[in-house]
Amino acid sequence: MKKIDFHIHTIPTISDSVFNFELDKIKEYVDRLNIDAIAITNHNLFDQNQFNLIKESLSITVFPGIEINLDGGHLLLIAENDEFEVSNFEEKCKLVNAKIITNTDSLSLEEFKTIFPEINIFLFRIMTKTQKLSNQL
C-alpha cells in the first residue's frame, strides 16, 4: 500500500498560524514515515519555484496543489505534475490568490468553475461541514 500526504503547507498565509518552512524537516517527515508521495497544498496560492525546489530535493513523487477557500469550506485541488500542467496550474492559482484577500474570503462555486473548467483532470477532496457542495461538482 502506498502512503500519500495530500495536505502539506509550506508557505504561511492569512489562513495559517505563523510558521517557518524548512526543506530538511519535510525530508525528515517523508523519510521517517516512509511516505511515497506528497502534494503541496498551501491556502489559496501555489508557488512554482518553491514546488520545483521541493520536487527536486525529494526522491518521491511531489504533486502541485492548492487548498482553496470555497463557499465556506476548503477544497484540496491537486494537479498533474508534468511541466506544462504545473505552469498552467500556477496561472490558475494566481487567479484564486487575487480573489482571496482576507481569511474570510472564499470563491463561489461559479468562480471556481470559471477558473478551473476542466476539473475532471484534477484530484480533489472537499472539506466542508455539509456535503451539498460536493454534490454540485
C-alpha atoms as a PDB file:
ATOM      1  CA  MET A   1       0.000   0.000   0.000  1.00  0.00           C
ATOM      2  CA  LYS A   2       1.253   3.488  -0.872  1.00  0.00           C
ATOM      3  CA  LYS A   3       1.429   6.275   1.711  1.00  0.00           C
ATOM      4  CA  ILE A   4       0.474   9.691   0.366  1.00  0.00           C
ATOM      5  CA  ASP A   5       0.046  13.002   2.173  1.00  0.00           C
ATOM      6  CA  PHE A   6      -2.144  15.266   0.025  1.00  0.00           C
ATOM      7  CA  HIS A   7      -2.210  18.121   2.525  1.00  0.00           C
ATOM      8  CA  ILE A   8       1.145  19.838   3.131  1.00  0.00           C
ATOM      9  CA  HIS A   9       1.541  23.561   3.779  1.00  0.00           C
ATOM     10  CA  THR A  10       4.898  25.184   3.040  1.00  0.00           C
ATOM     11  CA  ILE A  11       4.026  28.894   2.956  1.00  0.00           C
ATOM     12  CA  PRO A  12       2.207  30.679   5.787  1.00  0.00           C
ATOM     13  CA  THR A  13      -0.826  32.602   4.566  1.00  0.00           C
ATOM     14  CA  ILE A  14      -3.643  34.633   6.111  1.00  0.00           C
ATOM     15  CA  SER A  15      -5.370  31.297   6.837  1.00  0.00           C
ATOM     16  CA  ASP A  16      -2.455  29.816   8.809  1.00  0.00           C
ATOM     17  CA  SER A  17      -0.615  30.314  12.046  1.00  0.00           C
ATOM     18  CA  VAL A  18       2.880  31.687  11.502  1.00  0.00           C
ATOM     19  CA  PHE A  19       5.477  29.000  10.753  1.00  0.00           C
ATOM     20  CA  ASN A  20       8.852  28.671   9.067  1.00  0.00           C
ATOM     21  CA  PHE A  21       9.163  26.123   6.292  1.00  0.00           C
ATOM     22  CA  GLU A  22      12.357  24.081   6.342  1.00  0.00           C
ATOM     23  CA  LEU A  23      13.172  21.710   3.495  1.00  0.00           C
ATOM     24  CA  ASP A  24      15.127  19.461   5.865  1.00  0.00           C
ATOM     25  CA  LYS A  25      12.005  18.995   8.001  1.00  0.00           C
ATOM     26  CA  ILE A  26       9.929  17.801   5.070  1.00  0.00           C
ATOM     27  CA  LYS A  27      12.711  15.412   4.056  1.00  0.00           C
ATOM     28  CA  GLU A  28      12.802  14.069   7.621  1.00  0.00           C
ATOM     29  CA  TYR A  29       8.992  13.727   7.679  1.00  0.00           C
ATOM     30  CA  VAL A  30       8.905  11.820   4.382  1.00  0.00           C
ATOM     31  CA  ASP A  31      11.776   9.520   5.397  1.00  0.00           C
ATOM     32  CA  ARG A  32      10.566   8.854   8.949  1.00  0.00           C
ATOM     33  CA  LEU A  33       7.054   7.882   7.811  1.00  0.00           C
ATOM     34  CA  ASN A  34       8.128   6.185   4.550  1.00  0.00           C
ATOM     35  CA  ILE A  35       5.813   8.380   2.501  1.00  0.00           C
ATOM     36  CA  ASP A  36       5.621   7.591  -1.232  1.00  0.00           C
ATOM     37  CA  ALA A  37       4.138  10.879  -2.476  1.00  0.00           C
ATOM     38  CA  ILE A  38       3.045  14.296  -1.234  1.00  0.00           C
ATOM     39  CA  ALA A  39       1.082  17.257  -2.537  1.00  0.00           C
ATOM     40  CA  ILE A  40       1.979  20.846  -1.685  1.00  0.00           C
ATOM     41  CA  THR A  41      -1.391  22.476  -0.902  1.00  0.00           C
ATOM     42  CA  ASN A  42      -0.953  25.959   0.519  1.00  0.00           C
ATOM     43  CA  HIS A  43      -4.008  28.084   1.233  1.00  0.00           C
ATOM     44  CA  ASN A  44      -5.133  29.899  -1.920  1.00  0.00           C
ATOM     45  CA  LEU A  45      -1.705  30.051  -3.556  1.00  0.00           C
ATOM     46  CA  PHE A  46       0.798  27.977  -5.466  1.00  0.00           C
ATOM     47  CA  ASP A  47       4.493  28.865  -5.724  1.00  0.00           C
ATOM     48  CA  GLN A  48       6.012  27.050  -8.696  1.00  0.00           C
ATOM     49  CA  ASN A  49       9.598  27.949  -7.763  1.00  0.00           C
ATOM     50  CA  GLN A  50       9.223  26.502  -4.272  1.00  0.00           C
ATOM     51  CA  PHE A  51       7.356  23.484  -5.673  1.00  0.00           C
ATOM     52  CA  ASN A  52      10.235  22.790  -8.087  1.00  0.00           C
ATOM     53  CA  LEU A  53      12.786  23.081  -5.265  1.00  0.00           C
ATOM     54  CA  ILE A  54      10.857  20.593  -3.133  1.00  0.00           C
ATOM     55  CA  LYS A  55      10.285  18.246  -6.070  1.00  0.00           C
ATOM     56  CA  GLU A  56      13.990  18.262  -6.990  1.00  0.00           C
ATOM     57  CA  SER A  57      15.046  17.739  -3.353  1.00  0.00           C
ATOM     58  CA  LEU A  58      12.910  14.681  -2.658  1.00  0.00           C
ATOM     59  CA  SER A  59      13.156  11.213  -4.140  1.00  0.00           C
ATOM     60  CA  ILE A  60       9.374  10.723  -4.088  1.00  0.00           C
ATOM     61  CA  THR A  61       6.537  11.998  -6.266  1.00  0.00           C
ATOM     62  CA  VAL A  62       5.517  15.572  -5.442  1.00  0.00           C
ATOM     63  CA  PHE A  63       2.204  16.858  -6.786  1.00  0.00           C
ATOM     64  CA  PRO A  64       1.303  20.535  -7.214  1.00  0.00           C
ATOM     65  CA  GLY A  65      -1.795  21.565  -5.325  1.00  0.00           C
ATOM     66  CA  ILE A  66      -3.738  24.320  -3.634  1.00  0.00           C
ATOM     67  CA  GLU A  67      -6.204  24.442  -0.761  1.00  0.00           C
ATOM     68  CA  ILE A  68      -8.977  26.772  -1.898  1.00  0.00           C
ATOM     69  CA  ASN A  69     -11.448  28.596   0.341  1.00  0.00           C
ATOM     70  CA  LEU A  70     -14.630  27.588  -1.456  1.00  0.00           C
ATOM     71  CA  ASP A  71     -18.167  28.532  -0.382  1.00  0.00           C
ATOM     72  CA  GLY A  72     -17.328  28.463   3.316  1.00  0.00           C
ATOM     73  CA  GLY A  73     -15.314  25.241   3.165  1.00  0.00           C
ATOM     74  CA  HIS A  74     -11.967  24.124   1.830  1.00  0.00           C
ATOM     75  CA  LEU A  75     -11.128  22.158  -1.262  1.00  0.00           C
ATOM     76  CA  LEU A  76      -7.808  20.441  -1.938  1.00  0.00           C
ATOM     77  CA  LEU A  77      -7.093  20.598  -5.646  1.00  0.00           C
ATOM     78  CA  ILE A  78      -4.181  18.539  -6.925  1.00  0.00           C
ATOM     79  CA  ALA A  79      -2.898  18.732 -10.489  1.00  0.00           C
ATOM     80  CA  GLU A  80      -0.773  16.568 -12.733  1.00  0.00           C
ATOM     81  CA  ASN A  81       2.907  17.136 -12.122  1.00  0.00           C
ATOM     82  CA  ASP A  82       4.252  17.417 -15.654  1.00  0.00           C
ATOM     83  CA  GLU A  83       5.935  20.724 -16.547  1.00  0.00           C
ATOM     84  CA  PHE A  84       3.184  22.089 -18.813  1.00  0.00           C
ATOM     85  CA  GLU A  85       0.408  21.315 -16.341  1.00  0.00           C
ATOM     86  CA  VAL A  86       2.354  22.875 -13.457  1.00  0.00           C
ATOM     87  CA  SER A  87       2.786  26.146 -15.371  1.00  0.00           C
ATOM     88  CA  ASN A  88      -0.882  26.157 -16.377  1.00  0.00           C
ATOM     89  CA  PHE A  89      -1.867  25.323 -12.800  1.00  0.00           C
ATOM     90  CA  GLU A  90       0.223  28.192 -11.417  1.00  0.00           C
ATOM     91  CA  GLU A  91      -1.553  30.702 -13.687  1.00  0.00           C
ATOM     92  CA  LYS A  92      -4.951  29.477 -12.497  1.00  0.00           C
ATOM     93  CA  CYS A  93      -3.815  29.615  -8.855  1.00  0.00           C
ATOM     94  CA  LYS A  94      -2.798  33.259  -9.309  1.00  0.00           C
ATOM     95  CA  LEU A  95      -6.449  33.982 -10.148  1.00  0.00           C
ATOM     96  CA  VAL A  96      -7.521  32.287  -6.918  1.00  0.00           C
ATOM     97  CA  ASN A  97      -4.960  34.222  -4.888  1.00  0.00           C
ATOM     98  CA  ALA A  98      -6.147  37.530  -6.336  1.00  0.00           C
ATOM     99  CA  LYS A  99      -9.692  36.847  -5.115  1.00  0.00           C
ATOM    100  CA  ILE A 100      -8.855  35.668  -1.569  1.00  0.00           C
ATOM    101  CA  ILE A 101      -7.676  38.796   0.253  1.00  0.00           C
ATOM    102  CA  THR A 102      -8.819  38.123   3.847  1.00  0.00           C
ATOM    103  CA  ASN A 103      -9.196  34.910   5.835  1.00  0.00           C
ATOM    104  CA  THR A 104     -12.989  35.167   5.490  1.00  0.00           C
ATOM    105  CA  ASP A 105     -12.991  35.428   1.669  1.00  0.00           C
ATOM    106  CA  SER A 106     -13.855  32.428  -0.453  1.00  0.00           C
ATOM    107  CA  LEU A 107     -14.600  31.615  -4.058  1.00  0.00           C
ATOM    108  CA  SER A 108     -18.116  30.833  -5.119  1.00  0.00           C
ATOM    109  CA  LEU A 109     -18.691  27.571  -6.933  1.00  0.00           C
ATOM    110  CA  GLU A 110     -19.251  29.569 -10.130  1.00  0.00           C
ATOM    111  CA  GLU A 111     -15.902  31.375  -9.747  1.00  0.00           C
ATOM    112  CA  PHE A 112     -14.195  28.048  -9.123  1.00  0.00           C
ATOM    113  CA  LYS A 113     -15.706  26.518 -12.267  1.00  0.00           C
ATOM    114  CA  THR A 114     -14.643  29.570 -14.308  1.00  0.00           C
ATOM    115  CA  ILE A 115     -11.031  29.324 -13.132  1.00  0.00           C
ATOM    116  CA  PHE A 116     -10.859  25.512 -13.318  1.00  0.00           C
ATOM    117  CA  PRO A 117     -13.348  24.492 -16.046  1.00  0.00           C
ATOM    118  CA  GLU A 118     -11.606  21.153 -16.611  1.00  0.00           C
ATOM    119  CA  ILE A 119     -11.949  19.901 -13.038  1.00  0.00           C
ATOM    120  CA  ASN A 120     -12.187  16.306 -14.230  1.00  0.00           C
ATOM    121  CA  ILE A 121      -8.396  16.252 -14.759  1.00  0.00           C
ATOM    122  CA  PHE A 122      -7.670  17.175 -11.144  1.00  0.00           C
ATOM    123  CA  LEU A 123      -7.871  15.129  -7.988  1.00  0.00           C
ATOM    124  CA  PHE A 124      -9.785  16.904  -5.292  1.00  0.00           C
ATOM    125  CA  ARG A 125     -11.163  16.431  -1.827  1.00  0.00           C
ATOM    126  CA  ILE A 126     -13.759  18.701  -0.320  1.00  0.00           C
ATOM    127  CA  MET A 127     -13.570  19.518   3.348  1.00  0.00           C
ATOM    128  CA  THR A 128     -16.866  21.095   4.332  1.00  0.00           C
ATOM    129  CA  LYS A 129     -19.370  20.787   7.128  1.00  0.00           C
ATOM    130  CA  THR A 130     -22.034  19.684   4.671  1.00  0.00           C
ATOM    131  CA  GLN A 131     -21.994  17.541   1.562  1.00  0.00           C
ATOM    132  CA  LYS A 132     -24.136  19.898  -0.555  1.00  0.00           C
ATOM    133  CA  LEU A 133     -21.097  21.414  -2.273  1.00  0.00           C
ATOM    134  CA  SER A 134     -19.518  18.094  -3.232  1.00  0.00           C
ATOM    135  CA  ASN A 135     -22.717  17.015  -4.974  1.00  0.00           C
ATOM    136  CA  GLN A 136     -22.547  20.090  -7.221  1.00  0.00           C
ATOM    137  CA  LEU A 137     -19.037  19.413  -8.551  1.00  0.00           C
END
